[in-house]
Structures are given as C-alpha cells and as structure tokens.
N, C-alpha and C. Protein backbone atom coordinates (compact mmCIF):
# COMPACT_ATOMS: atom_id res chain seq x y z
N MET A 1 0.84 -1.17 0.11
CA MET A 1 0.03 -0.07 -0.05
C MET A 1 0.85 1.30 -0.08
N ASN A 2 0.51 2.22 -0.71
CA ASN A 2 1.12 3.60 -0.69
C ASN A 2 0.19 4.58 -0.15
N PRO A 3 0.63 5.77 0.18
CA PRO A 3 -0.28 6.90 0.66
C PRO A 3 -1.11 7.29 -0.42
N GLU A 4 -0.73 7.26 -1.68
CA GLU A 4 -1.77 7.56 -2.80
C GLU A 4 -3.02 6.88 -2.76
N ASP A 5 -2.95 5.51 -2.34
CA ASP A 5 -4.04 4.63 -2.18
C ASP A 5 -5.09 5.13 -1.14
N LEU A 6 -4.70 5.57 -0.09
CA LEU A 6 -5.62 6.05 0.95
C LEU A 6 -6.37 7.34 0.39
N GLN A 7 -5.57 8.09 -0.26
CA GLN A 7 -6.21 9.46 -0.76
C GLN A 7 -7.34 8.97 -1.98
N LYS A 8 -6.99 7.93 -2.60
CA LYS A 8 -7.86 7.43 -3.72
C LYS A 8 -9.15 6.97 -2.91
N LEU A 9 -9.15 6.49 -1.79
CA LEU A 9 -10.30 5.86 -1.11
C LEU A 9 -11.16 6.79 -0.85
N VAL A 10 -10.78 8.09 -0.47
CA VAL A 10 -11.68 9.17 -0.12
C VAL A 10 -11.98 10.28 -1.52
N THR A 11 -11.50 9.88 -2.55
CA THR A 11 -11.82 10.56 -3.73
C THR A 11 -12.68 9.99 -4.93
N LEU A 12 -12.06 8.60 -5.11
CA LEU A 12 -12.67 7.80 -6.08
C LEU A 12 -14.12 7.28 -5.63
N ARG A 13 -15.01 7.21 -6.75
CA ARG A 13 -16.25 6.71 -6.54
C ARG A 13 -16.45 5.17 -7.23
N MET A 14 -17.25 4.38 -6.55
CA MET A 14 -17.58 3.03 -7.27
C MET A 14 -18.01 3.18 -8.60
N PRO A 15 -17.38 2.46 -9.50
CA PRO A 15 -17.74 2.78 -10.81
C PRO A 15 -18.94 1.97 -11.34
N PHE A 16 -19.45 0.86 -10.54
CA PHE A 16 -20.28 0.08 -11.00
C PHE A 16 -21.14 -0.69 -9.81
N GLY A 17 -22.14 -1.31 -10.13
CA GLY A 17 -22.86 -2.00 -9.15
C GLY A 17 -23.96 -1.31 -8.32
N LYS A 18 -24.42 -1.88 -7.31
CA LYS A 18 -25.41 -1.41 -6.33
C LYS A 18 -25.02 -0.07 -5.77
N HIS A 19 -23.85 0.05 -5.48
CA HIS A 19 -23.43 1.39 -4.92
C HIS A 19 -22.48 2.17 -5.81
N GLN A 20 -22.91 2.30 -7.14
CA GLN A 20 -22.19 2.99 -8.14
C GLN A 20 -22.37 4.54 -7.56
N GLY A 21 -21.22 5.29 -7.72
CA GLY A 21 -21.21 6.66 -7.57
C GLY A 21 -20.84 6.84 -5.92
N THR A 22 -20.86 5.91 -5.17
CA THR A 22 -20.48 6.15 -3.68
C THR A 22 -18.94 6.13 -3.58
N LEU A 23 -18.41 7.05 -2.76
CA LEU A 23 -17.17 7.04 -2.46
C LEU A 23 -16.64 5.62 -1.93
N LEU A 24 -15.39 5.32 -2.37
CA LEU A 24 -15.06 3.95 -1.91
C LEU A 24 -15.01 3.83 -0.34
N ALA A 25 -14.58 4.94 0.28
CA ALA A 25 -14.32 4.91 1.74
C ALA A 25 -15.83 4.93 2.32
N ASP A 26 -16.78 5.15 1.63
CA ASP A 26 -18.20 5.18 2.22
C ASP A 26 -18.97 3.84 2.01
N LEU A 27 -18.44 3.15 1.27
CA LEU A 27 -19.09 1.74 0.95
C LEU A 27 -19.48 1.00 2.31
N PRO A 28 -20.48 0.52 2.39
CA PRO A 28 -21.03 -0.30 3.55
C PRO A 28 -20.14 -1.51 3.73
N GLY A 29 -19.92 -1.80 4.99
CA GLY A 29 -19.18 -3.04 5.34
C GLY A 29 -19.65 -4.30 4.75
N ASN A 30 -20.82 -4.32 4.64
CA ASN A 30 -21.48 -5.65 4.19
C ASN A 30 -21.39 -5.90 2.68
N TYR A 31 -21.17 -4.77 2.00
CA TYR A 31 -20.84 -4.78 0.63
C TYR A 31 -19.49 -5.14 0.27
N LEU A 32 -18.59 -4.66 1.12
CA LEU A 32 -17.04 -5.06 1.08
C LEU A 32 -16.81 -6.48 1.59
N ASN A 33 -17.63 -6.90 2.47
CA ASN A 33 -17.66 -8.34 2.86
C ASN A 33 -17.92 -9.16 1.91
N TRP A 34 -19.07 -8.81 1.15
CA TRP A 34 -19.49 -9.78 -0.09
C TRP A 34 -18.35 -9.70 -0.98
N PHE A 35 -17.51 -8.84 -1.49
CA PHE A 35 -16.47 -8.91 -2.39
C PHE A 35 -15.40 -9.73 -1.70
N ALA A 36 -15.15 -9.63 -0.51
CA ALA A 36 -14.30 -10.60 0.18
C ALA A 36 -14.58 -11.98 0.02
N ARG A 37 -15.80 -12.29 0.15
CA ARG A 37 -16.22 -13.72 0.09
C ARG A 37 -16.31 -14.09 -1.44
N GLU A 38 -16.79 -13.17 -2.31
CA GLU A 38 -17.17 -13.59 -3.86
C GLU A 38 -15.83 -13.19 -4.60
N GLY A 39 -14.87 -12.48 -4.12
CA GLY A 39 -13.86 -12.18 -5.05
C GLY A 39 -13.74 -10.47 -5.34
N PHE A 40 -12.61 -10.03 -5.27
CA PHE A 40 -12.46 -8.70 -5.60
C PHE A 40 -12.30 -8.50 -7.21
N PRO A 41 -12.66 -7.49 -7.69
CA PRO A 41 -12.47 -7.44 -9.17
C PRO A 41 -10.99 -7.33 -9.43
N LYS A 42 -10.61 -7.43 -10.79
CA LYS A 42 -9.32 -7.36 -11.24
C LYS A 42 -8.83 -5.87 -11.23
N GLY A 43 -7.57 -5.54 -11.15
CA GLY A 43 -7.01 -4.21 -11.25
C GLY A 43 -7.08 -3.36 -10.18
N ASP A 44 -6.82 -2.06 -10.34
CA ASP A 44 -6.87 -1.02 -9.29
C ASP A 44 -8.01 -1.00 -8.50
N ILE A 45 -9.23 -1.18 -9.04
CA ILE A 45 -10.47 -1.05 -8.21
C ILE A 45 -10.59 -2.18 -7.37
N GLY A 46 -10.27 -3.41 -7.71
CA GLY A 46 -10.09 -4.53 -6.80
C GLY A 46 -9.13 -4.38 -5.65
N ARG A 47 -8.06 -3.75 -5.99
CA ARG A 47 -6.95 -3.63 -4.90
C ARG A 47 -7.49 -2.52 -3.92
N LEU A 48 -8.21 -1.67 -4.50
CA LEU A 48 -8.56 -0.44 -3.53
C LEU A 48 -9.79 -0.97 -2.76
N LEU A 49 -10.60 -1.78 -3.29
CA LEU A 49 -11.83 -2.40 -2.58
C LEU A 49 -11.22 -3.34 -1.51
N ASN A 50 -10.15 -3.95 -1.87
CA ASN A 50 -9.68 -4.93 -0.88
C ASN A 50 -9.01 -4.12 0.47
N LEU A 51 -8.32 -3.28 0.00
CA LEU A 51 -7.78 -2.18 0.99
C LEU A 51 -8.81 -1.66 1.98
N MET A 52 -9.93 -1.23 1.38
CA MET A 52 -11.02 -0.47 2.12
C MET A 52 -11.67 -1.50 3.01
N HIS A 53 -11.91 -2.78 2.37
CA HIS A 53 -12.38 -3.97 3.22
C HIS A 53 -11.45 -4.12 4.53
N GLU A 54 -10.06 -4.13 4.38
CA GLU A 54 -9.27 -4.36 5.39
C GLU A 54 -9.33 -3.23 6.58
N ILE A 55 -9.49 -2.03 5.93
CA ILE A 55 -9.53 -0.82 6.88
C ILE A 55 -10.77 -0.92 7.62
N ASP A 56 -12.09 -1.27 7.03
CA ASP A 56 -13.41 -1.35 7.58
C ASP A 56 -13.24 -2.54 8.50
N HIS A 57 -12.98 -3.58 8.01
CA HIS A 57 -12.83 -4.86 8.97
C HIS A 57 -12.23 -4.64 10.37
N ASN A 58 -11.02 -3.85 10.30
CA ASN A 58 -10.21 -3.74 11.48
C ASN A 58 -10.71 -2.33 12.21
N GLY A 59 -11.92 -1.86 11.90
CA GLY A 59 -12.25 -0.51 12.57
C GLY A 59 -11.40 0.64 12.46
N LEU A 60 -10.73 0.69 11.34
CA LEU A 60 -9.80 1.82 11.27
C LEU A 60 -10.16 2.81 10.24
N SER A 61 -11.55 2.77 9.91
CA SER A 61 -12.01 3.90 9.06
C SER A 61 -11.80 5.52 9.43
N GLU A 62 -11.82 5.68 10.70
CA GLU A 62 -11.50 6.92 11.16
C GLU A 62 -10.19 7.47 10.92
N LEU A 63 -9.28 6.57 10.32
CA LEU A 63 -7.87 7.13 9.91
C LEU A 63 -8.16 7.97 8.71
N LEU A 64 -9.21 7.66 7.98
CA LEU A 64 -9.26 8.18 6.68
C LEU A 64 -9.77 9.68 6.87
N GLU A 65 -10.28 9.88 8.00
CA GLU A 65 -10.90 11.46 8.31
C GLU A 65 -10.07 12.57 7.90
N PRO A 66 -8.76 12.60 8.32
CA PRO A 66 -7.95 13.76 7.92
C PRO A 66 -7.91 13.81 6.26
N LEU A 67 -7.92 12.76 5.67
CA LEU A 67 -7.73 13.07 4.24
C LEU A 67 -8.95 13.59 3.55
N ARG A 68 -10.07 13.27 4.17
CA ARG A 68 -11.34 13.83 3.61
C ARG A 68 -11.24 15.24 3.66
N ARG A 69 -10.74 15.89 4.83
CA ARG A 69 -10.76 17.27 5.03
C ARG A 69 -9.47 18.10 4.33
N GLY A 70 -8.60 17.21 3.80
CA GLY A 70 -7.46 17.81 3.09
C GLY A 70 -7.84 18.12 1.77
C-alpha cells in the first residue's frame, strides 16, 4: 500500500454495481464483505476495494478522516 491509495479511497467513486457513485471510503461493510467472499474485481479497483475492506474490517475507518478534510 502507498499513501496515494488512501487518498484514492476518499476521492474515487464506485464505478459500477449497487453502490455506483459512492465514495470507496463510504461503501458499507456488508458490501465490502461480499466482495471478500465472492472475489474482488481485477485491477486497481479490486486492490482498492480490498484495502477498504481491511480498513473497515479492522475498525480503522476514522484514519481516513484527515484525508477527507485535506
């Protein structure tokens, strides 16, 4: 993981699916858990969703707050 990935979580929006248009950092935990069970998409979006799942699963979402304000 690099610092740019964390910034992407608070700026990029989900490009498809049920939560299309939602910031990656705002995706619900159950949706991230579904990807963890079923498989993350290929490429950058899958990598970022996996990262957000780990952050959410470990209760670390508040660490993204300073990036939202920046």
